[in-house]
Amino acid sequence: SGALSLASGVLAALFARERTGKGQKVDASIYGTMIAMQGMEINYTSITGVEPERAGRGHQFLRGVWGAFPTSDGFICIAGVDEKRWPSFCKIVGIEHLEKDPEYSDNVVRNFHGEKIQKVLDEIFPKKSSKEWLKQLTDADILATEVVDYRTMLKSEQARINGYLLELDHPVAGKVLVSGTPITINGEVTTAAEAAPEHGQHTEEVLLELGYTWEEIGALRDSGAV
């Protein structure tokens, strides 16, 4: 998904180069992309204060040591465990006896048919807090992070500074945060969003730019054309 954002940014930069003759520096973020892809849910939570239900704990193809696992105080998400890190992972979670067990240790089984190892881990991870598990896992270079809800994410200073969350002064909802873009061009970060225009809000402005006179615009309105 991050690569798709980067590709979009590169296409925009190429278009700008064609128009201006100047090169552009493109940055894209996986974190920002994840926020942008959940824009509908994030904006809903921001405006209503209501947290939507979770869609699931992982991917339909990637199971085993992949996806979200409940801890004593929340959830953590693990992005798989490869062969190099598997021994360390087994030691951290206390399943050394399964390290070489073909029912659990083969990487293909763990990630694609891993219901057995998943059930084992579902009994182990709730014994400690998310913070405790993440400290041990990240120290062992295992890709893991805390699963946060949208209300927590809306408080992310990192997301706001990078323009992944934008301030919007909405005419009905008031001042709220909405999802932004994961792409920056030449380091220019947008921090505020504009409300979507009401129907016909810019009709006169556009017609004036196209060369219509006020008399002609009035005639168009009288005829029902605009």
C-alpha atoms as a PDB file:
ATOM      1  CA  SER A   1       0.000   0.000   0.000  1.00  0.00           C
ATOM      2  CA  GLY A   2       2.865   2.342   0.756  1.00  0.00           C
ATOM      3  CA  ALA A   3       4.289   1.600  -2.685  1.00  0.00           C
ATOM      4  CA  LEU A   4       0.983   2.621  -4.291  1.00  0.00           C
ATOM      5  CA  SER A   5       1.144   5.949  -2.469  1.00  0.00           C
ATOM      6  CA  LEU A   6       4.710   6.469  -3.646  1.00  0.00           C
ATOM      7  CA  ALA A   7       3.748   5.596  -7.231  1.00  0.00           C
ATOM      8  CA  SER A   8       0.916   8.147  -7.079  1.00  0.00           C
ATOM      9  CA  GLY A   9       3.331  10.768  -5.811  1.00  0.00           C
ATOM     10  CA  VAL A  10       5.827   9.977  -8.572  1.00  0.00           C
ATOM     11  CA  LEU A  11       3.101  10.322 -11.209  1.00  0.00           C
ATOM     12  CA  ALA A  12       2.119  13.703  -9.764  1.00  0.00           C
ATOM     13  CA  ALA A  13       5.772  14.783  -9.813  1.00  0.00           C
ATOM     14  CA  LEU A  14       6.178  13.703 -13.446  1.00  0.00           C
ATOM     15  CA  PHE A  15       3.061  15.644 -14.376  1.00  0.00           C
ATOM     16  CA  ALA A  16       4.426  18.723 -12.578  1.00  0.00           C
ATOM     17  CA  ARG A  17       7.725  18.349 -14.396  1.00  0.00           C
ATOM     18  CA  GLU A  18       5.931  18.252 -17.739  1.00  0.00           C
ATOM     19  CA  ARG A  19       4.066  21.449 -16.882  1.00  0.00           C
ATOM     20  CA  THR A  20       6.837  23.392 -15.114  1.00  0.00           C
ATOM     21  CA  GLY A  21      10.089  21.789 -16.211  1.00  0.00           C
ATOM     22  CA  LYS A  22      11.124  21.414 -12.556  1.00  0.00           C
ATOM     23  CA  GLY A  23      11.852  18.176 -10.731  1.00  0.00           C
ATOM     24  CA  GLN A  24      10.043  17.271  -7.545  1.00  0.00           C
ATOM     25  CA  LYS A  25      11.105  15.418  -4.391  1.00  0.00           C
ATOM     26  CA  VAL A  26       8.476  12.829  -3.411  1.00  0.00           C
ATOM     27  CA  ASP A  27       8.030  11.284   0.021  1.00  0.00           C
ATOM     28  CA  ALA A  28       5.448   8.669   0.964  1.00  0.00           C
ATOM     29  CA  SER A  29       4.721   6.970   4.271  1.00  0.00           C
ATOM     30  CA  ILE A  30       3.332   3.528   5.130  1.00  0.00           C
ATOM     31  CA  TYR A  31       1.903   4.963   8.370  1.00  0.00           C
ATOM     32  CA  GLY A  32       0.254   7.802   6.488  1.00  0.00           C
ATOM     33  CA  THR A  33      -1.054   5.380   3.877  1.00  0.00           C
ATOM     34  CA  MET A  34      -2.712   3.219   6.534  1.00  0.00           C
ATOM     35  CA  ILE A  35      -4.433   6.319   7.903  1.00  0.00           C
ATOM     36  CA  ALA A  36      -5.548   7.436   4.452  1.00  0.00           C
ATOM     37  CA  MET A  37      -6.920   3.980   3.617  1.00  0.00           C
ATOM     38  CA  GLN A  38      -9.100   4.129   6.716  1.00  0.00           C
ATOM     39  CA  GLY A  39     -10.222   7.693   6.112  1.00  0.00           C
ATOM     40  CA  MET A  40     -13.937   6.880   6.269  1.00  0.00           C
ATOM     41  CA  GLU A  41     -13.659   5.175   9.651  1.00  0.00           C
ATOM     42  CA  ILE A  42     -11.287   7.801  11.048  1.00  0.00           C
ATOM     43  CA  ASN A  43     -13.448  10.718   9.931  1.00  0.00           C
ATOM     44  CA  TYR A  44     -16.547   8.997  11.340  1.00  0.00           C
ATOM     45  CA  THR A  45     -14.846   8.540  14.718  1.00  0.00           C
ATOM     46  CA  SER A  46     -13.494  12.096  14.702  1.00  0.00           C
ATOM     47  CA  ILE A  47     -16.876  13.670  13.987  1.00  0.00           C
ATOM     48  CA  THR A  48     -19.131  11.406  16.088  1.00  0.00           C
ATOM     49  CA  GLY A  49     -16.761  10.264  18.834  1.00  0.00           C
ATOM     50  CA  VAL A  50     -18.036   6.722  18.268  1.00  0.00           C
ATOM     51  CA  GLU A  51     -15.536   3.918  17.665  1.00  0.00           C
ATOM     52  CA  PRO A  52     -16.603   1.527  14.852  1.00  0.00           C
ATOM     53  CA  GLU A  53     -16.345  -2.220  15.367  1.00  0.00           C
ATOM     54  CA  ARG A  54     -13.110  -3.928  14.395  1.00  0.00           C
ATOM     55  CA  ALA A  55     -13.153  -5.671  11.024  1.00  0.00           C
ATOM     56  CA  GLY A  56     -10.993  -8.625  12.113  1.00  0.00           C
ATOM     57  CA  ARG A  57      -7.652  -9.681  13.517  1.00  0.00           C
ATOM     58  CA  GLY A  58      -5.595 -10.372  10.420  1.00  0.00           C
ATOM     59  CA  HIS A  59      -5.425 -11.438   6.794  1.00  0.00           C
ATOM     60  CA  GLN A  60      -7.405 -14.325   5.354  1.00  0.00           C
ATOM     61  CA  PHE A  61      -4.240 -15.806   3.807  1.00  0.00           C
ATOM     62  CA  LEU A  62      -1.705 -14.977   6.526  1.00  0.00           C
ATOM     63  CA  ARG A  63      -2.361 -16.726   9.815  1.00  0.00           C
ATOM     64  CA  GLY A  64      -0.101 -18.210  12.451  1.00  0.00           C
ATOM     65  CA  VAL A  65       2.350 -15.635  13.813  1.00  0.00           C
ATOM     66  CA  TRP A  66       0.740 -12.884  11.791  1.00  0.00           C
ATOM     67  CA  GLY A  67      -1.978 -10.433  12.779  1.00  0.00           C
ATOM     68  CA  ALA A  68      -3.438  -9.219  16.054  1.00  0.00           C
ATOM     69  CA  PHE A  69      -3.162 -11.025  19.378  1.00  0.00           C
ATOM     70  CA  PRO A  70      -4.911 -10.111  22.653  1.00  0.00           C
ATOM     71  CA  THR A  71      -2.725  -9.128  25.603  1.00  0.00           C
ATOM     72  CA  SER A  72      -3.675  -8.410  29.189  1.00  0.00           C
ATOM     73  CA  ASP A  73      -4.557  -4.803  28.377  1.00  0.00           C
ATOM     74  CA  GLY A  74      -5.183  -4.623  24.625  1.00  0.00           C
ATOM     75  CA  PHE A  75      -3.833  -6.056  21.368  1.00  0.00           C
ATOM     76  CA  ILE A  76      -0.491  -6.269  19.622  1.00  0.00           C
ATOM     77  CA  CYS A  77       0.049  -6.958  15.930  1.00  0.00           C
ATOM     78  CA  ILE A  78       2.914  -9.096  14.617  1.00  0.00           C
ATOM     79  CA  ALA A  79       4.068  -9.028  10.999  1.00  0.00           C
ATOM     80  CA  GLY A  80       5.166 -12.652  10.830  1.00  0.00           C
ATOM     81  CA  VAL A  81       8.299 -14.339  12.177  1.00  0.00           C
ATOM     82  CA  ASP A  82      10.912 -15.599   9.718  1.00  0.00           C
ATOM     83  CA  GLU A  83      13.309 -18.510  10.229  1.00  0.00           C
ATOM     84  CA  LYS A  84      16.114 -16.310  11.562  1.00  0.00           C
ATOM     85  CA  ARG A  85      13.927 -14.842  14.286  1.00  0.00           C
ATOM     86  CA  TRP A  86      11.872 -17.969  15.059  1.00  0.00           C
ATOM     87  CA  PRO A  87      14.228 -19.332  17.802  1.00  0.00           C
ATOM     88  CA  SER A  88      14.245 -15.969  19.593  1.00  0.00           C
ATOM     89  CA  PHE A  89      10.480 -15.721  19.308  1.00  0.00           C
ATOM     90  CA  CYS A  90      10.020 -19.196  20.786  1.00  0.00           C
ATOM     91  CA  LYS A  91      12.249 -18.263  23.720  1.00  0.00           C
ATOM     92  CA  ILE A  92      10.420 -14.987  24.363  1.00  0.00           C
ATOM     93  CA  VAL A  93       6.964 -16.563  24.468  1.00  0.00           C
ATOM     94  CA  GLY A  94       8.157 -19.740  26.205  1.00  0.00           C
ATOM     95  CA  ILE A  95       7.491 -22.314  23.492  1.00  0.00           C
ATOM     96  CA  GLU A  96      11.026 -23.651  22.957  1.00  0.00           C
ATOM     97  CA  HIS A  97       9.549 -27.154  22.904  1.00  0.00           C
ATOM     98  CA  LEU A  98       7.753 -26.254  19.656  1.00  0.00           C
ATOM     99  CA  GLU A  99      10.733 -24.674  17.901  1.00  0.00           C
ATOM    100  CA  LYS A 100      11.506 -27.744  15.784  1.00  0.00           C
ATOM    101  CA  ASP A 101       8.040 -29.290  15.808  1.00  0.00           C
ATOM    102  CA  PRO A 102       6.996 -29.650  12.133  1.00  0.00           C
ATOM    103  CA  GLU A 103       3.389 -28.867  13.078  1.00  0.00           C
ATOM    104  CA  TYR A 104       4.415 -25.400  14.295  1.00  0.00           C
ATOM    105  CA  SER A 105       7.920 -24.536  13.127  1.00  0.00           C
ATOM    106  CA  ASP A 106       7.646 -24.608   9.331  1.00  0.00           C
ATOM    107  CA  ASN A 107       7.297 -21.045   8.073  1.00  0.00           C
ATOM    108  CA  VAL A 108       4.709 -21.919   5.411  1.00  0.00           C
ATOM    109  CA  VAL A 109       2.562 -23.661   7.999  1.00  0.00           C
ATOM    110  CA  ARG A 110       2.948 -20.809  10.479  1.00  0.00           C
ATOM    111  CA  ASN A 111       1.840 -18.144   8.049  1.00  0.00           C
ATOM    112  CA  PHE A 112      -0.666 -19.916   5.822  1.00  0.00           C
ATOM    113  CA  HIS A 113      -2.118 -22.757   7.881  1.00  0.00           C
ATOM    114  CA  GLY A 114      -1.220 -21.567  11.311  1.00  0.00           C
ATOM    115  CA  GLU A 115      -4.377 -22.145  13.341  1.00  0.00           C
ATOM    116  CA  LYS A 116      -2.480 -24.418  15.766  1.00  0.00           C
ATOM    117  CA  ILE A 117       0.265 -21.940  16.649  1.00  0.00           C
ATOM    118  CA  GLN A 118      -2.312 -19.152  16.760  1.00  0.00           C
ATOM    119  CA  LYS A 119      -4.305 -20.997  19.420  1.00  0.00           C
ATOM    120  CA  VAL A 120      -1.133 -21.511  21.450  1.00  0.00           C
ATOM    121  CA  LEU A 121      -0.246 -17.827  21.285  1.00  0.00           C
ATOM    122  CA  ASP A 122      -3.805 -16.782  22.155  1.00  0.00           C
ATOM    123  CA  GLU A 123      -3.271 -18.453  25.532  1.00  0.00           C
ATOM    124  CA  ILE A 124       0.197 -16.962  26.096  1.00  0.00           C
ATOM    125  CA  PHE A 125      -0.040 -13.292  25.093  1.00  0.00           C
ATOM    126  CA  PRO A 126      -2.855 -12.408  27.560  1.00  0.00           C
ATOM    127  CA  LYS A 127      -0.425 -13.180  30.408  1.00  0.00           C
ATOM    128  CA  LYS A 128       1.460  -9.877  29.925  1.00  0.00           C
ATOM    129  CA  SER A 129       0.706  -6.315  28.885  1.00  0.00           C
ATOM    130  CA  SER A 130       1.192  -4.982  25.369  1.00  0.00           C
ATOM    131  CA  LYS A 131       4.089  -2.828  26.547  1.00  0.00           C
ATOM    132  CA  GLU A 132       5.891  -5.799  28.096  1.00  0.00           C
ATOM    133  CA  TRP A 133       5.527  -7.965  25.000  1.00  0.00           C
ATOM    134  CA  LEU A 134       6.535  -5.185  22.619  1.00  0.00           C
ATOM    135  CA  LYS A 135       9.706  -4.475  24.573  1.00  0.00           C
ATOM    136  CA  GLN A 136      10.803  -8.096  24.315  1.00  0.00           C
ATOM    137  CA  LEU A 137       9.755  -8.565  20.698  1.00  0.00           C
ATOM    138  CA  THR A 138      11.269  -5.362  19.335  1.00  0.00           C
ATOM    139  CA  ASP A 139      14.507  -5.979  21.248  1.00  0.00           C
ATOM    140  CA  ALA A 140      14.707  -9.243  19.286  1.00  0.00           C
ATOM    141  CA  ASP A 141      14.094  -7.371  15.992  1.00  0.00           C
ATOM    142  CA  ILE A 142      10.649  -8.927  15.574  1.00  0.00           C
ATOM    143  CA  LEU A 143       8.211  -6.642  13.748  1.00  0.00           C
ATOM    144  CA  ALA A 144       5.406  -5.881  16.176  1.00  0.00           C
ATOM    145  CA  THR A 145       3.369  -2.892  17.284  1.00  0.00           C
ATOM    146  CA  GLU A 146       0.462  -1.958  19.493  1.00  0.00           C
ATOM    147  CA  VAL A 147      -3.023  -2.021  18.003  1.00  0.00           C
ATOM    148  CA  VAL A 148      -4.659   1.309  18.797  1.00  0.00           C
ATOM    149  CA  ASP A 149      -8.222   2.454  18.272  1.00  0.00           C
ATOM    150  CA  TYR A 150      -9.133   5.437  16.120  1.00  0.00           C
ATOM    151  CA  ARG A 151      -9.653   7.760  19.078  1.00  0.00           C
ATOM    152  CA  THR A 152      -6.110   7.056  20.238  1.00  0.00           C
ATOM    153  CA  MET A 153      -4.738   7.495  16.717  1.00  0.00           C
ATOM    154  CA  LEU A 154      -6.494  10.868  16.429  1.00  0.00           C
ATOM    155  CA  LYS A 155      -4.249  12.048  19.277  1.00  0.00           C
ATOM    156  CA  SER A 156      -1.069  11.121  17.383  1.00  0.00           C
ATOM    157  CA  GLU A 157       1.290  14.085  17.229  1.00  0.00           C
ATOM    158  CA  GLN A 158       3.313  12.309  14.544  1.00  0.00           C
ATOM    159  CA  ALA A 159       0.259  12.007  12.294  1.00  0.00           C
ATOM    160  CA  ARG A 160      -0.647  15.676  12.681  1.00  0.00           C
ATOM    161  CA  ILE A 161       2.880  17.023  12.157  1.00  0.00           C
ATOM    162  CA  ASN A 162       3.254  15.025   8.942  1.00  0.00           C
ATOM    163  CA  GLY A 163      -0.134  16.041   7.572  1.00  0.00           C
ATOM    164  CA  TYR A 164      -1.682  12.579   7.836  1.00  0.00           C
ATOM    165  CA  LEU A 165      -4.385  14.174   9.994  1.00  0.00           C
ATOM    166  CA  LEU A 166      -5.712  17.604   9.060  1.00  0.00           C
ATOM    167  CA  GLU A 167      -7.684  20.201  10.980  1.00  0.00           C
ATOM    168  CA  LEU A 168     -11.050  20.973   9.404  1.00  0.00           C
ATOM    169  CA  ASP A 169     -13.415  23.759  10.446  1.00  0.00           C
ATOM    170  CA  HIS A 170     -16.662  22.123   9.362  1.00  0.00           C
ATOM    171  CA  PRO A 171     -19.770  24.361   9.073  1.00  0.00           C
ATOM    172  CA  VAL A 172     -21.903  21.765  10.901  1.00  0.00           C
ATOM    173  CA  ALA A 173     -19.557  19.512  12.907  1.00  0.00           C
ATOM    174  CA  GLY A 174     -17.248  22.337  14.024  1.00  0.00           C
ATOM    175  CA  LYS A 175     -13.494  21.870  14.344  1.00  0.00           C
ATOM    176  CA  VAL A 176     -12.553  18.231  13.751  1.00  0.00           C
ATOM    177  CA  LEU A 177      -9.620  16.199  12.499  1.00  0.00           C
ATOM    178  CA  VAL A 178      -9.869  14.329   9.190  1.00  0.00           C
ATOM    179  CA  SER A 179      -7.511  12.027   7.303  1.00  0.00           C
ATOM    180  CA  GLY A 180      -4.933  13.684   5.071  1.00  0.00           C
ATOM    181  CA  THR A 181      -2.503  12.458   2.435  1.00  0.00           C
ATOM    182  CA  PRO A 182       0.495  10.146   2.904  1.00  0.00           C
ATOM    183  CA  ILE A 183       2.358  11.942   0.094  1.00  0.00           C
ATOM    184  CA  THR A 184       4.464  15.086   0.390  1.00  0.00           C
ATOM    185  CA  ILE A 185       6.033  16.970  -2.506  1.00  0.00           C
ATOM    186  CA  ASN A 186       9.223  18.934  -1.840  1.00  0.00           C
ATOM    187  CA  GLY A 187       8.638  18.620   1.896  1.00  0.00           C
ATOM    188  CA  GLU A 188       5.527  20.807   1.817  1.00  0.00           C
ATOM    189  CA  VAL A 189       3.139  19.531   4.497  1.00  0.00           C
ATOM    190  CA  THR A 190      -0.506  20.572   4.593  1.00  0.00           C
ATOM    191  CA  THR A 191      -1.955  20.824   8.110  1.00  0.00           C
ATOM    192  CA  ALA A 192      -5.483  22.092   7.416  1.00  0.00           C
ATOM    193  CA  ALA A 193      -8.302  20.856   5.198  1.00  0.00           C
ATOM    194  CA  GLU A 194     -11.152  22.747   3.595  1.00  0.00           C
ATOM    195  CA  ALA A 195     -14.747  21.627   3.878  1.00  0.00           C
ATOM    196  CA  ALA A 196     -16.316  20.202   0.733  1.00  0.00           C
ATOM    197  CA  PRO A 197     -18.184  22.956  -1.145  1.00  0.00           C
ATOM    198  CA  GLU A 198     -21.944  23.053  -1.007  1.00  0.00           C
ATOM    199  CA  HIS A 199     -23.878  22.372  -4.173  1.00  0.00           C
ATOM    200  CA  GLY A 200     -23.390  25.314  -6.533  1.00  0.00           C
ATOM    201  CA  GLN A 201     -21.222  27.243  -4.072  1.00  0.00           C
ATOM    202  CA  HIS A 202     -18.635  28.222  -6.709  1.00  0.00           C
ATOM    203  CA  THR A 203     -20.868  28.394  -9.777  1.00  0.00           C
ATOM    204  CA  GLU A 204     -20.596  32.144 -10.214  1.00  0.00           C
ATOM    205  CA  GLU A 205     -16.870  32.157  -9.512  1.00  0.00           C
ATOM    206  CA  VAL A 206     -16.221  29.485 -12.142  1.00  0.00           C
ATOM    207  CA  LEU A 207     -18.422  31.151 -14.748  1.00  0.00           C
ATOM    208  CA  LEU A 208     -16.705  34.500 -14.196  1.00  0.00           C
ATOM    209  CA  GLU A 209     -13.325  32.837 -14.712  1.00  0.00           C
ATOM    210  CA  LEU A 210     -14.660  31.387 -17.976  1.00  0.00           C
ATOM    211  CA  GLY A 211     -15.526  34.894 -19.186  1.00  0.00           C
ATOM    212  CA  TYR A 212     -19.254  35.099 -18.520  1.00  0.00           C
ATOM    213  CA  THR A 213     -20.651  38.484 -17.454  1.00  0.00           C
ATOM    214  CA  TRP A 214     -22.969  38.974 -14.476  1.00  0.00           C
ATOM    215  CA  GLU A 215     -25.818  39.593 -16.916  1.00  0.00           C
ATOM    216  CA  GLU A 216     -25.165  36.303 -18.681  1.00  0.00           C
ATOM    217  CA  ILE A 217     -24.887  34.430 -15.374  1.00  0.00           C
ATOM    218  CA  GLY A 218     -28.198  35.982 -14.263  1.00  0.00           C
ATOM    219  CA  ALA A 219     -29.804  34.837 -17.498  1.00  0.00           C
ATOM    220  CA  LEU A 220     -28.469  31.307 -16.970  1.00  0.00           C
ATOM    221  CA  ARG A 221     -29.956  31.258 -13.459  1.00  0.00           C
ATOM    222  CA  ASP A 222     -33.310  32.599 -14.707  1.00  0.00           C
ATOM    223  CA  SER A 223     -33.459  29.867 -17.331  1.00  0.00           C
ATOM    224  CA  GLY A 224     -32.612  27.169 -14.803  1.00  0.00           C
ATOM    225  CA  ALA A 225     -29.417  26.210 -16.596  1.00  0.00           C
ATOM    226  CA  VAL A 226     -27.374  26.758 -13.402  1.00  0.00           C
END
